[in-house]
Amino acid sequence: MTKVEKVLLLLKNMVYESTSPQETLKFAKYYRSKGLDVLVILWGPMGVLLAKKDKTRGSPKYDASVQECIEMGVEFRCCQLASDMIGLKKEELIPGIEFICSKDVAELFLTYREENQLIINF
């Protein structure tokens, strides 16, 4: 059996009343604390909202939790297609979050699956 070394977390729903953003960040911190490489993909018009810095709506405040994850070594990627759809610009992203194109996300699915690594969709 292949040992899990990498985790791909996908967040598509950033509804402030949902637990999905909190769960995504908690899972990211947990897996990173276990020494695993963690990549969080924020996609879909709602998911990419987690990448926006200085959010003024909602509770809890997510920016600090995202920054804590980044400082722990968790990588974040924000879907370029969904960002374009809602007008989210690179300068509006939390520092440390980069854009990713849909083709690259599709490649990540194949790579993680071929390597028998963990993929979780929130």
Protein backbone atom coordinates (compact mmCIF):
# COMPACT_ATOMS: atom_id res chain seq x y z
CA MET A 1 0.00 0.00 0.00
CA THR A 2 1.26 3.47 -0.94
CA LYS A 3 1.92 5.83 1.94
CA VAL A 4 0.05 9.13 1.68
CA GLU A 5 2.52 11.99 1.38
CA LYS A 6 0.43 14.59 -0.42
CA VAL A 7 -3.09 15.93 0.12
CA LEU A 8 -5.14 17.87 -2.41
CA LEU A 9 -8.02 19.80 -0.80
CA LEU A 10 -10.65 21.34 -3.06
CA LEU A 11 -12.95 24.12 -1.88
CA LYS A 12 -15.75 25.07 -4.23
CA ASN A 13 -18.29 26.50 -1.78
CA MET A 14 -17.48 29.66 0.15
CA VAL A 15 -20.87 30.31 1.65
CA TYR A 16 -20.33 32.13 4.94
CA GLU A 17 -22.97 30.02 6.66
CA SER A 18 -21.28 26.81 5.45
CA THR A 19 -18.67 24.89 7.44
CA SER A 20 -16.74 23.99 4.26
CA PRO A 21 -14.19 26.86 4.47
CA GLN A 22 -13.50 26.15 8.15
CA GLU A 23 -13.19 22.41 7.50
CA THR A 24 -10.85 23.00 4.59
CA LEU A 25 -8.53 25.16 6.70
CA LYS A 26 -8.66 22.78 9.69
CA PHE A 27 -7.89 19.77 7.47
CA ALA A 28 -5.04 21.71 5.82
CA LYS A 29 -3.48 22.54 9.20
CA TYR A 30 -3.95 18.98 10.48
CA TYR A 31 -2.40 17.25 7.48
CA ARG A 32 0.47 19.77 7.33
CA SER A 33 1.17 19.22 11.05
CA LYS A 34 1.49 15.50 10.20
CA GLY A 35 4.28 16.40 7.75
CA LEU A 36 2.22 15.96 4.58
CA ASP A 37 2.46 18.26 1.57
CA VAL A 38 -0.87 20.08 1.34
CA LEU A 39 -2.24 21.91 -1.68
CA VAL A 40 -5.58 23.73 -1.45
CA ILE A 41 -7.38 24.53 -4.70
CA LEU A 42 -10.00 27.29 -4.45
CA TRP A 43 -12.31 26.99 -7.41
CA GLY A 44 -15.71 27.90 -8.66
CA PRO A 45 -17.06 31.44 -8.30
CA MET A 46 -17.78 30.86 -4.60
CA GLY A 47 -14.62 28.93 -3.69
CA VAL A 48 -12.27 31.60 -4.97
CA LEU A 49 -13.73 34.11 -2.50
CA LEU A 50 -11.55 32.55 0.22
CA ALA A 51 -8.51 33.86 -1.69
CA LYS A 52 -9.71 37.48 -1.56
CA LYS A 53 -7.83 39.53 1.00
CA ASP A 54 -9.52 41.90 3.42
CA LYS A 55 -12.93 40.29 3.21
CA THR A 56 -15.40 42.57 4.97
CA ARG A 57 -18.33 40.15 5.26
CA GLY A 58 -18.84 37.02 7.23
CA SER A 59 -17.63 35.39 10.36
CA PRO A 60 -15.21 33.96 11.23
CA LYS A 61 -12.49 36.06 9.72
CA TYR A 62 -10.69 33.76 7.31
CA ASP A 63 -7.68 35.80 6.21
CA ALA A 64 -5.70 35.09 9.39
CA SER A 65 -6.40 31.35 9.16
CA VAL A 66 -5.34 31.26 5.52
CA GLN A 67 -2.16 33.17 6.38
CA GLU A 68 -1.44 30.75 9.24
CA CYS A 69 -1.78 27.83 6.83
CA ILE A 70 0.58 29.52 4.35
CA GLU A 71 3.13 30.09 7.12
CA MET A 72 2.89 26.37 7.97
CA GLY A 73 3.78 25.52 4.36
CA VAL A 74 0.30 24.86 2.94
CA GLU A 75 0.09 25.93 -0.70
CA PHE A 76 -3.00 27.68 -2.06
CA ARG A 77 -4.02 28.03 -5.69
CA CYS A 78 -6.98 30.05 -6.93
CA CYS A 79 -8.84 29.10 -10.10
CA GLN A 80 -8.13 31.68 -12.80
CA LEU A 81 -11.36 30.93 -14.71
CA ALA A 82 -13.63 31.45 -11.70
CA SER A 83 -11.67 34.53 -10.66
CA ASP A 84 -12.13 36.03 -14.11
CA MET A 85 -15.86 35.30 -13.91
CA ILE A 86 -16.27 37.36 -10.73
CA GLY A 87 -13.62 39.98 -11.54
CA LEU A 88 -11.12 38.93 -8.86
CA LYS A 89 -7.67 40.36 -9.69
CA LYS A 90 -4.22 39.10 -8.64
CA GLU A 91 -3.61 42.18 -6.47
CA GLU A 92 -6.77 41.31 -4.51
CA LEU A 93 -5.46 37.88 -3.45
CA ILE A 94 -4.12 37.13 0.01
CA PRO A 95 -0.31 37.25 -0.33
CA GLY A 96 1.05 33.78 -1.03
CA ILE A 97 -1.92 32.61 -3.10
CA GLU A 98 -1.30 32.11 -6.81
CA PHE A 99 -3.64 31.58 -9.74
CA ILE A 100 -3.96 28.19 -11.44
CA CYS A 101 -5.61 27.37 -14.77
CA SER A 102 -8.24 24.66 -15.19
CA LYS A 103 -5.93 22.45 -17.26
CA ASP A 104 -3.40 22.38 -14.44
CA VAL A 105 -6.11 21.40 -11.94
CA ALA A 106 -7.10 18.55 -14.27
CA GLU A 107 -3.46 17.43 -14.39
CA LEU A 108 -3.27 17.51 -10.58
CA PHE A 109 -6.25 15.14 -10.39
CA LEU A 110 -4.45 12.66 -12.64
CA THR A 111 -1.14 12.99 -10.83
CA TYR A 112 -2.58 12.58 -7.33
CA ARG A 113 -4.69 9.62 -8.45
CA GLU A 114 -1.78 7.92 -10.24
CA GLU A 115 0.37 8.37 -7.12
CA ASN A 116 -2.46 7.08 -4.84
CA GLN A 117 -2.46 10.33 -2.88
CA LEU A 118 -5.37 11.88 -1.00
CA ILE A 119 -7.96 14.11 -2.72
CA ILE A 120 -10.77 15.65 -0.65
CA ASN A 121 -13.54 17.84 -2.07
CA PHE A 122 -15.40 20.29 0.19
